Amino acid sequence: MIDVMLSYAEITLAAHVGVMRRISAIKRGRKGNYDCVNERDGWTWDIQGAIAECAVAKHTGTYWFGKIDDLSHGDVGDLEVRSTVWPTGHLLIHPEDPDDKKFILVLENNLPVCTLAGWIYGHEGKDDTYWTTKKIQGKDRSAFFVPQKSLRPVT
């Protein structure tokens, strides 16, 4: 695992990007993604996702411009970024996620430090042994829940 220290300015910038993403989704009538149990959750997921992307970009030396509406490319370069605030949280992959992309898990339970927990290719994460349905706030949530021990280390 690799810790990335974000400055408060970087966290603020990423939080603004997350807010702009949520406003854009509302404006376009896009409903929350998989993790959104209710519309209020979308604000949280968008901000946390942007902070995680900022941390990955900082570690990889990739310019992060905080894209708002362009969902056609990876989150940071060719990397797909997933995050959690749970120290033992899993990297979630969905059946329609690309098989050939690298998915990286960022732990955000100790800001301003983000921990890059590891990565896995999409096709590797779509192993049936990881398929799980969990009840989150009374709603069934199914995905491939890849445990941190199954991830490759970030270099």
N, C-alpha and C. Protein backbone atom coordinates (compact mmCIF):
# COMPACT_ATOMS: atom_id res chain seq x y z
N MET A 1 0.84 -1.19 0.00
CA MET A 1 0.00 0.00 0.00
C MET A 1 0.88 1.24 0.00
N ILE A 2 0.39 2.24 -0.69
CA ILE A 2 1.14 3.49 -0.79
C ILE A 2 0.26 4.63 -0.30
N ASP A 3 0.81 5.44 0.60
CA ASP A 3 0.10 6.61 1.09
C ASP A 3 0.45 7.82 0.23
N VAL A 4 -0.58 8.59 -0.10
CA VAL A 4 -0.41 9.82 -0.87
C VAL A 4 -0.98 10.96 -0.02
N MET A 5 -0.13 11.92 0.30
CA MET A 5 -0.55 13.08 1.09
C MET A 5 -1.05 14.16 0.15
N LEU A 6 -2.32 14.50 0.30
CA LEU A 6 -2.89 15.58 -0.49
C LEU A 6 -2.82 16.87 0.31
N SER A 7 -2.57 17.95 -0.39
CA SER A 7 -2.62 19.25 0.27
C SER A 7 -4.09 19.62 0.45
N TYR A 8 -4.36 20.56 1.33
CA TYR A 8 -5.74 20.99 1.52
C TYR A 8 -6.27 21.69 0.26
N ALA A 9 -5.38 22.32 -0.48
CA ALA A 9 -5.79 22.93 -1.75
C ALA A 9 -6.21 21.84 -2.75
N GLU A 10 -5.48 20.71 -2.79
CA GLU A 10 -5.85 19.61 -3.69
C GLU A 10 -7.19 18.99 -3.28
N ILE A 11 -7.41 18.83 -1.98
CA ILE A 11 -8.68 18.30 -1.51
C ILE A 11 -9.81 19.25 -1.87
N THR A 12 -9.59 20.54 -1.69
CA THR A 12 -10.60 21.54 -2.02
C THR A 12 -10.93 21.52 -3.51
N LEU A 13 -9.91 21.48 -4.35
CA LEU A 13 -10.11 21.41 -5.79
C LEU A 13 -10.93 20.17 -6.16
N ALA A 14 -10.54 19.02 -5.62
CA ALA A 14 -11.24 17.77 -5.93
C ALA A 14 -12.69 17.83 -5.43
N ALA A 15 -12.91 18.40 -4.26
CA ALA A 15 -14.27 18.52 -3.75
C ALA A 15 -15.12 19.39 -4.67
N HIS A 16 -14.53 20.48 -5.18
CA HIS A 16 -15.26 21.34 -6.13
C HIS A 16 -15.61 20.56 -7.41
N VAL A 17 -14.67 19.74 -7.88
CA VAL A 17 -14.94 18.92 -9.06
C VAL A 17 -16.11 17.97 -8.77
N GLY A 18 -16.10 17.34 -7.60
CA GLY A 18 -17.20 16.45 -7.23
C GLY A 18 -18.54 17.16 -7.20
N VAL A 19 -18.57 18.37 -6.67
CA VAL A 19 -19.81 19.15 -6.64
C VAL A 19 -20.26 19.49 -8.06
N MET A 20 -19.31 19.88 -8.91
CA MET A 20 -19.67 20.21 -10.30
C MET A 20 -20.19 18.97 -11.03
N ARG A 21 -19.62 17.79 -10.74
CA ARG A 21 -20.12 16.56 -11.35
C ARG A 21 -21.56 16.28 -10.92
N ARG A 22 -21.85 16.48 -9.65
CA ARG A 22 -23.20 16.21 -9.15
C ARG A 22 -24.19 17.19 -9.78
N ILE A 23 -23.82 18.47 -9.85
CA ILE A 23 -24.71 19.47 -10.46
C ILE A 23 -24.94 19.13 -11.93
N SER A 24 -23.89 18.72 -12.64
CA SER A 24 -24.04 18.33 -14.04
C SER A 24 -24.99 17.14 -14.18
N ALA A 25 -24.87 16.17 -13.27
CA ALA A 25 -25.76 15.00 -13.31
C ALA A 25 -27.21 15.40 -13.10
N ILE A 26 -27.43 16.30 -12.16
CA ILE A 26 -28.79 16.78 -11.90
C ILE A 26 -29.33 17.52 -13.13
N LYS A 27 -28.50 18.38 -13.68
CA LYS A 27 -28.90 19.17 -14.86
C LYS A 27 -29.26 18.26 -16.03
N ARG A 28 -28.51 17.19 -16.21
CA ARG A 28 -28.73 16.27 -17.32
C ARG A 28 -29.76 15.18 -17.01
N GLY A 29 -30.24 15.16 -15.78
CA GLY A 29 -31.24 14.16 -15.40
C GLY A 29 -30.66 12.77 -15.19
N ARG A 30 -29.32 12.69 -14.98
CA ARG A 30 -28.69 11.39 -14.72
C ARG A 30 -28.97 11.00 -13.27
N LYS A 31 -29.42 9.80 -13.09
CA LYS A 31 -29.66 9.29 -11.74
C LYS A 31 -28.34 8.84 -11.15
N GLY A 32 -28.34 8.60 -9.84
CA GLY A 32 -27.14 8.16 -9.15
C GLY A 32 -26.63 6.84 -9.70
N ASN A 33 -25.34 6.62 -9.51
CA ASN A 33 -24.75 5.38 -9.99
C ASN A 33 -25.08 4.22 -9.06
N TYR A 34 -24.38 3.13 -9.20
CA TYR A 34 -24.66 1.91 -8.44
C TYR A 34 -24.69 2.13 -6.94
N ASP A 35 -23.78 2.95 -6.45
CA ASP A 35 -23.62 3.11 -5.02
C ASP A 35 -24.65 4.03 -4.38
N CYS A 36 -25.41 4.74 -5.18
CA CYS A 36 -26.35 5.72 -4.64
C CYS A 36 -27.64 5.03 -4.22
N VAL A 37 -27.86 4.99 -2.93
CA VAL A 37 -29.10 4.46 -2.40
C VAL A 37 -30.18 5.51 -2.54
N ASN A 38 -29.81 6.75 -2.35
CA ASN A 38 -30.74 7.86 -2.58
C ASN A 38 -29.94 9.00 -3.22
N GLU A 39 -30.64 9.98 -3.70
CA GLU A 39 -29.99 11.07 -4.44
C GLU A 39 -28.97 11.83 -3.59
N ARG A 40 -29.22 11.88 -2.30
CA ARG A 40 -28.29 12.57 -1.39
C ARG A 40 -26.91 11.91 -1.41
N ASP A 41 -26.87 10.57 -1.59
CA ASP A 41 -25.59 9.86 -1.62
C ASP A 41 -24.72 10.28 -2.80
N GLY A 42 -25.33 10.72 -3.89
CA GLY A 42 -24.57 11.09 -5.08
C GLY A 42 -23.55 12.18 -4.80
N TRP A 43 -23.91 13.13 -3.96
CA TRP A 43 -22.97 14.20 -3.60
C TRP A 43 -21.72 13.59 -2.95
N THR A 44 -21.93 12.70 -2.01
CA THR A 44 -20.82 12.07 -1.30
C THR A 44 -19.94 11.29 -2.25
N TRP A 45 -20.56 10.44 -3.09
CA TRP A 45 -19.78 9.59 -3.99
C TRP A 45 -19.01 10.42 -5.00
N ASP A 46 -19.60 11.48 -5.52
CA ASP A 46 -18.91 12.30 -6.50
C ASP A 46 -17.70 13.01 -5.89
N ILE A 47 -17.86 13.52 -4.69
CA ILE A 47 -16.73 14.20 -4.02
C ILE A 47 -15.64 13.21 -3.66
N GLN A 48 -16.02 12.09 -3.06
CA GLN A 48 -15.01 11.09 -2.69
C GLN A 48 -14.30 10.52 -3.91
N GLY A 49 -15.05 10.30 -4.98
CA GLY A 49 -14.43 9.80 -6.21
C GLY A 49 -13.41 10.77 -6.78
N ALA A 50 -13.75 12.04 -6.77
CA ALA A 50 -12.82 13.05 -7.30
C ALA A 50 -11.56 13.15 -6.43
N ILE A 51 -11.71 13.05 -5.13
CA ILE A 51 -10.54 13.09 -4.24
C ILE A 51 -9.65 11.88 -4.52
N ALA A 52 -10.24 10.70 -4.70
CA ALA A 52 -9.46 9.50 -4.99
C ALA A 52 -8.72 9.65 -6.31
N GLU A 53 -9.38 10.19 -7.33
CA GLU A 53 -8.73 10.41 -8.63
C GLU A 53 -7.55 11.36 -8.49
N CYS A 54 -7.74 12.41 -7.71
CA CYS A 54 -6.67 13.39 -7.49
C CYS A 54 -5.45 12.71 -6.86
N ALA A 55 -5.70 11.82 -5.90
CA ALA A 55 -4.60 11.11 -5.23
C ALA A 55 -3.86 10.19 -6.19
N VAL A 56 -4.59 9.46 -7.02
CA VAL A 56 -3.96 8.57 -8.00
C VAL A 56 -3.15 9.38 -9.00
N ALA A 57 -3.71 10.49 -9.47
CA ALA A 57 -3.00 11.33 -10.42
C ALA A 57 -1.71 11.88 -9.79
N LYS A 58 -1.78 12.29 -8.56
CA LYS A 58 -0.59 12.82 -7.89
C LYS A 58 0.48 11.74 -7.80
N HIS A 59 0.10 10.53 -7.44
CA HIS A 59 1.07 9.44 -7.31
C HIS A 59 1.68 9.07 -8.66
N THR A 60 0.87 9.03 -9.71
CA THR A 60 1.36 8.60 -11.02
C THR A 60 2.00 9.72 -11.82
N GLY A 61 1.91 10.95 -11.32
CA GLY A 61 2.46 12.08 -12.07
C GLY A 61 1.64 12.40 -13.31
N THR A 62 0.36 12.07 -13.26
CA THR A 62 -0.55 12.31 -14.38
C THR A 62 -1.31 13.60 -14.13
N TYR A 63 -1.36 14.46 -15.14
CA TYR A 63 -2.13 15.70 -14.98
C TYR A 63 -3.60 15.33 -14.82
N TRP A 64 -4.22 15.83 -13.78
CA TRP A 64 -5.63 15.57 -13.50
C TRP A 64 -6.39 16.87 -13.67
N PHE A 65 -7.27 16.90 -14.66
CA PHE A 65 -8.01 18.13 -14.92
C PHE A 65 -9.43 18.07 -14.37
N GLY A 66 -9.78 17.01 -13.67
CA GLY A 66 -11.09 16.95 -13.03
C GLY A 66 -12.24 16.98 -14.01
N LYS A 67 -12.21 16.10 -14.99
CA LYS A 67 -13.26 16.11 -16.01
C LYS A 67 -14.64 15.99 -15.37
N ILE A 68 -15.60 16.64 -16.00
CA ILE A 68 -16.95 16.70 -15.45
C ILE A 68 -17.89 15.76 -16.20
N ASP A 69 -17.98 15.88 -17.49
CA ASP A 69 -18.99 15.13 -18.26
C ASP A 69 -18.42 14.06 -19.19
N ASP A 70 -17.13 14.06 -19.44
CA ASP A 70 -16.55 13.10 -20.38
C ASP A 70 -16.31 11.77 -19.68
N LEU A 71 -17.21 10.82 -19.92
CA LEU A 71 -17.10 9.51 -19.29
C LEU A 71 -16.50 8.48 -20.24
N SER A 72 -15.91 8.93 -21.33
CA SER A 72 -15.44 8.01 -22.37
C SER A 72 -14.03 7.50 -22.14
N HIS A 73 -13.30 8.07 -21.19
CA HIS A 73 -11.92 7.66 -20.94
C HIS A 73 -11.79 7.23 -19.49
N GLY A 74 -10.62 6.70 -19.15
CA GLY A 74 -10.36 6.32 -17.77
C GLY A 74 -10.41 7.52 -16.85
N ASP A 75 -10.49 7.24 -15.57
CA ASP A 75 -10.56 8.31 -14.57
C ASP A 75 -9.24 9.09 -14.48
N VAL A 76 -8.13 8.36 -14.52
CA VAL A 76 -6.80 8.97 -14.50
C VAL A 76 -5.97 8.23 -15.55
N GLY A 77 -5.76 8.86 -16.69
CA GLY A 77 -5.11 8.15 -17.79
C GLY A 77 -5.98 6.96 -18.18
N ASP A 78 -5.38 5.77 -18.19
CA ASP A 78 -6.14 4.56 -18.51
C ASP A 78 -6.65 3.85 -17.26
N LEU A 79 -6.41 4.41 -16.10
CA LEU A 79 -6.82 3.77 -14.84
C LEU A 79 -8.26 4.12 -14.48
N GLU A 80 -8.98 3.13 -13.98
CA GLU A 80 -10.30 3.34 -13.41
C GLU A 80 -10.11 3.37 -11.89
N VAL A 81 -10.62 4.39 -11.26
CA VAL A 81 -10.39 4.60 -9.82
C VAL A 81 -11.66 4.29 -9.05
N ARG A 82 -11.53 3.51 -8.00
CA ARG A 82 -12.63 3.21 -7.08
C ARG A 82 -12.16 3.57 -5.68
N SER A 83 -13.08 4.00 -4.84
CA SER A 83 -12.68 4.42 -3.50
C SER A 83 -13.65 3.93 -2.45
N THR A 84 -13.17 3.94 -1.23
CA THR A 84 -14.00 3.58 -0.08
C THR A 84 -13.46 4.30 1.15
N VAL A 85 -14.34 4.55 2.09
CA VAL A 85 -13.91 5.13 3.37
C VAL A 85 -13.67 4.03 4.40
N TRP A 86 -13.96 2.79 4.04
CA TRP A 86 -13.77 1.66 4.96
C TRP A 86 -12.35 1.14 4.85
N PRO A 87 -11.59 1.08 5.97
CA PRO A 87 -10.20 0.61 5.92
C PRO A 87 -10.06 -0.80 5.35
N THR A 88 -11.06 -1.65 5.53
CA THR A 88 -11.01 -3.02 5.01
C THR A 88 -11.94 -3.18 3.80
N GLY A 89 -12.32 -2.06 3.19
CA GLY A 89 -13.27 -2.08 2.08
C GLY A 89 -12.74 -2.82 0.86
N HIS A 90 -13.67 -3.17 0.00
CA HIS A 90 -13.38 -3.92 -1.22
C HIS A 90 -13.39 -3.00 -2.45
N LEU A 91 -12.73 -3.47 -3.50
CA LEU A 91 -12.79 -2.79 -4.79
C LEU A 91 -13.98 -3.39 -5.53
N LEU A 92 -14.92 -2.54 -5.93
CA LEU A 92 -16.13 -3.02 -6.60
C LEU A 92 -15.99 -2.91 -8.11
N ILE A 93 -16.32 -4.01 -8.78
CA ILE A 93 -16.33 -4.06 -10.24
C ILE A 93 -17.70 -4.55 -10.67
N HIS A 94 -18.21 -3.97 -11.75
CA HIS A 94 -19.54 -4.32 -12.26
C HIS A 94 -19.41 -5.12 -13.55
N PRO A 95 -20.41 -5.93 -13.87
CA PRO A 95 -20.32 -6.77 -15.07
C PRO A 95 -20.01 -5.99 -16.35
N GLU A 96 -20.52 -4.78 -16.46
CA GLU A 96 -20.30 -4.01 -17.69
C GLU A 96 -19.00 -3.21 -17.68
N ASP A 97 -18.24 -3.25 -16.60
CA ASP A 97 -16.95 -2.56 -16.56
C ASP A 97 -15.99 -3.20 -17.57
N PRO A 98 -15.08 -2.41 -18.15
CA PRO A 98 -14.17 -2.95 -19.16
C PRO A 98 -13.24 -4.02 -18.59
N ASP A 99 -13.06 -5.08 -19.35
CA ASP A 99 -12.20 -6.19 -18.92
C ASP A 99 -10.72 -5.85 -18.96
N ASP A 100 -10.31 -5.00 -19.89
CA ASP A 100 -8.90 -4.76 -20.12
C ASP A 100 -8.32 -3.58 -19.34
N LYS A 101 -9.13 -2.92 -18.55
CA LYS A 101 -8.66 -1.75 -17.79
C LYS A 101 -8.16 -2.17 -16.40
N LYS A 102 -7.23 -1.36 -15.88
CA LYS A 102 -6.77 -1.55 -14.51
C LYS A 102 -7.70 -0.76 -13.59
N PHE A 103 -8.13 -1.40 -12.52
CA PHE A 103 -8.97 -0.77 -11.51
C PHE A 103 -8.14 -0.66 -10.24
N ILE A 104 -8.06 0.55 -9.68
CA ILE A 104 -7.25 0.80 -8.50
C ILE A 104 -8.17 1.23 -7.35
N LEU A 105 -7.88 0.70 -6.16
CA LEU A 105 -8.68 1.02 -4.98
C LEU A 105 -7.95 2.03 -4.12
N VAL A 106 -8.68 3.10 -3.77
CA VAL A 106 -8.14 4.15 -2.90
C VAL A 106 -8.94 4.17 -1.61
N LEU A 107 -8.23 4.12 -0.48
CA LEU A 107 -8.86 4.21 0.83
C LEU A 107 -8.81 5.66 1.29
N GLU A 108 -9.98 6.19 1.66
CA GLU A 108 -10.08 7.59 2.05
C GLU A 108 -10.56 7.73 3.49
N ASN A 109 -10.00 6.97 4.39
CA ASN A 109 -10.45 7.00 5.78
C ASN A 109 -9.53 7.83 6.67
N ASN A 110 -8.55 8.50 6.07
CA ASN A 110 -7.56 9.22 6.89
C ASN A 110 -7.08 10.49 6.19
N LEU A 111 -8.02 11.25 5.60
CA LEU A 111 -7.62 12.47 4.90
C LEU A 111 -6.86 13.39 5.84
N PRO A 112 -5.83 14.05 5.36
CA PRO A 112 -5.46 14.31 3.97
C PRO A 112 -4.65 13.20 3.31
N VAL A 113 -4.47 12.06 3.99
CA VAL A 113 -3.75 10.95 3.39
C VAL A 113 -4.75 10.01 2.72
N CYS A 114 -4.46 9.65 1.48
CA CYS A 114 -5.21 8.63 0.74
C CYS A 114 -4.28 7.44 0.57
N THR A 115 -4.79 6.25 0.76
CA THR A 115 -3.97 5.05 0.64
C THR A 115 -4.35 4.31 -0.64
N LEU A 116 -3.36 4.09 -1.51
CA LEU A 116 -3.58 3.32 -2.72
C LEU A 116 -3.39 1.85 -2.33
N ALA A 117 -4.51 1.13 -2.23
CA ALA A 117 -4.50 -0.21 -1.66
C ALA A 117 -4.05 -1.29 -2.64
N GLY A 118 -4.24 -1.06 -3.93
CA GLY A 118 -3.83 -2.05 -4.92
C GLY A 118 -4.70 -1.95 -6.16
N TRP A 119 -4.41 -2.82 -7.13
CA TRP A 119 -5.13 -2.77 -8.39
C TRP A 119 -5.32 -4.17 -8.95
N ILE A 120 -6.25 -4.27 -9.91
CA ILE A 120 -6.54 -5.53 -10.59
C ILE A 120 -7.14 -5.20 -11.95
N TYR A 121 -6.92 -6.07 -12.93
CA TYR A 121 -7.58 -5.91 -14.23
C TYR A 121 -9.06 -6.25 -14.08
N GLY A 122 -9.89 -5.59 -14.89
CA GLY A 122 -11.32 -5.83 -14.84
C GLY A 122 -11.69 -7.28 -14.99
N HIS A 123 -11.10 -7.97 -15.97
CA HIS A 123 -11.46 -9.39 -16.19
C HIS A 123 -11.07 -10.27 -15.01
N GLU A 124 -10.00 -9.91 -14.32
CA GLU A 124 -9.58 -10.69 -13.15
C GLU A 124 -10.54 -10.48 -11.97
N GLY A 125 -11.03 -9.25 -11.86
CA GLY A 125 -11.96 -8.94 -10.77
C GLY A 125 -13.34 -9.53 -10.97
N LYS A 126 -13.64 -9.92 -12.21
CA LYS A 126 -14.96 -10.49 -12.50
C LYS A 126 -15.00 -12.00 -12.25
N ASP A 127 -14.24 -12.44 -11.30
CA ASP A 127 -14.22 -13.84 -10.89
C ASP A 127 -15.49 -14.12 -10.07
N ASP A 128 -16.15 -15.22 -10.38
CA ASP A 128 -17.41 -15.54 -9.71
C ASP A 128 -17.27 -15.62 -8.19
N THR A 129 -16.09 -15.94 -7.69
CA THR A 129 -15.92 -16.03 -6.24
C THR A 129 -16.06 -14.67 -5.55
N TYR A 130 -15.93 -13.58 -6.32
CA TYR A 130 -16.07 -12.24 -5.76
C TYR A 130 -17.50 -11.70 -5.84
N TRP A 131 -18.37 -12.38 -6.60
CA TRP A 131 -19.73 -11.87 -6.80
C TRP A 131 -20.48 -11.92 -5.47
N THR A 132 -21.04 -10.78 -5.09
CA THR A 132 -21.70 -10.66 -3.79
C THR A 132 -22.91 -9.74 -3.92
N THR A 133 -23.93 -10.07 -3.16
CA THR A 133 -25.07 -9.17 -3.02
C THR A 133 -25.14 -8.78 -1.55
N LYS A 134 -25.09 -7.49 -1.29
CA LYS A 134 -25.17 -6.97 0.07
C LYS A 134 -26.37 -6.06 0.17
N LYS A 135 -26.94 -6.02 1.34
CA LYS A 135 -28.05 -5.10 1.59
C LYS A 135 -27.45 -3.83 2.18
N ILE A 136 -27.64 -2.72 1.46
CA ILE A 136 -27.13 -1.43 1.89
C ILE A 136 -28.32 -0.49 2.04
N GLN A 137 -28.53 -0.04 3.25
CA GLN A 137 -29.67 0.82 3.57
C GLN A 137 -30.97 0.24 3.01
N GLY A 138 -31.13 -1.07 3.16
CA GLY A 138 -32.36 -1.74 2.75
C GLY A 138 -32.46 -2.07 1.28
N LYS A 139 -31.42 -1.76 0.50
CA LYS A 139 -31.45 -2.00 -0.94
C LYS A 139 -30.37 -3.03 -1.31
N ASP A 140 -30.74 -4.03 -2.13
CA ASP A 140 -29.76 -5.00 -2.58
C ASP A 140 -28.75 -4.36 -3.51
N ARG A 141 -27.49 -4.68 -3.29
CA ARG A 141 -26.39 -4.12 -4.07
C ARG A 141 -25.52 -5.28 -4.51
N SER A 142 -25.50 -5.60 -5.81
CA SER A 142 -24.71 -6.71 -6.34
C SER A 142 -23.55 -6.19 -7.18
N ALA A 143 -22.39 -6.78 -6.97
CA ALA A 143 -21.19 -6.43 -7.73
C ALA A 143 -20.13 -7.47 -7.41
N PHE A 144 -19.01 -7.36 -8.10
CA PHE A 144 -17.84 -8.16 -7.74
C PHE A 144 -17.10 -7.38 -6.65
N PHE A 145 -17.08 -7.89 -5.43
CA PHE A 145 -16.42 -7.26 -4.29
C PHE A 145 -15.05 -7.90 -4.14
N VAL A 146 -14.02 -7.26 -4.70
CA VAL A 146 -12.67 -7.82 -4.70
C VAL A 146 -11.97 -7.40 -3.40
N PRO A 147 -11.55 -8.38 -2.58
CA PRO A 147 -10.88 -8.03 -1.32
C PRO A 147 -9.49 -7.46 -1.58
N GLN A 148 -9.03 -6.63 -0.67
CA GLN A 148 -7.72 -6.00 -0.82
C GLN A 148 -6.59 -7.01 -0.96
N LYS A 149 -6.72 -8.16 -0.30
CA LYS A 149 -5.65 -9.18 -0.36
C LYS A 149 -5.49 -9.75 -1.77
N SER A 150 -6.50 -9.58 -2.64
CA SER A 150 -6.44 -10.08 -4.01
C SER A 150 -5.88 -9.06 -5.00
N LEU A 151 -5.57 -7.87 -4.53
CA LEU A 151 -5.07 -6.80 -5.40
C LEU A 151 -3.56 -6.83 -5.52
N ARG A 152 -3.07 -6.41 -6.68
CA ARG A 152 -1.62 -6.25 -6.88
C ARG A 152 -1.19 -4.98 -6.18
N PRO A 153 0.06 -4.95 -5.69
CA PRO A 153 0.53 -3.71 -5.07
C PRO A 153 0.74 -2.60 -6.08
N VAL A 154 0.51 -1.39 -5.65
CA VAL A 154 0.75 -0.20 -6.46
C VAL A 154 2.24 0.13 -6.34
N THR A 155 2.84 0.46 -7.47
CA THR A 155 4.27 0.81 -7.42
C THR A 155 4.46 2.28 -7.75
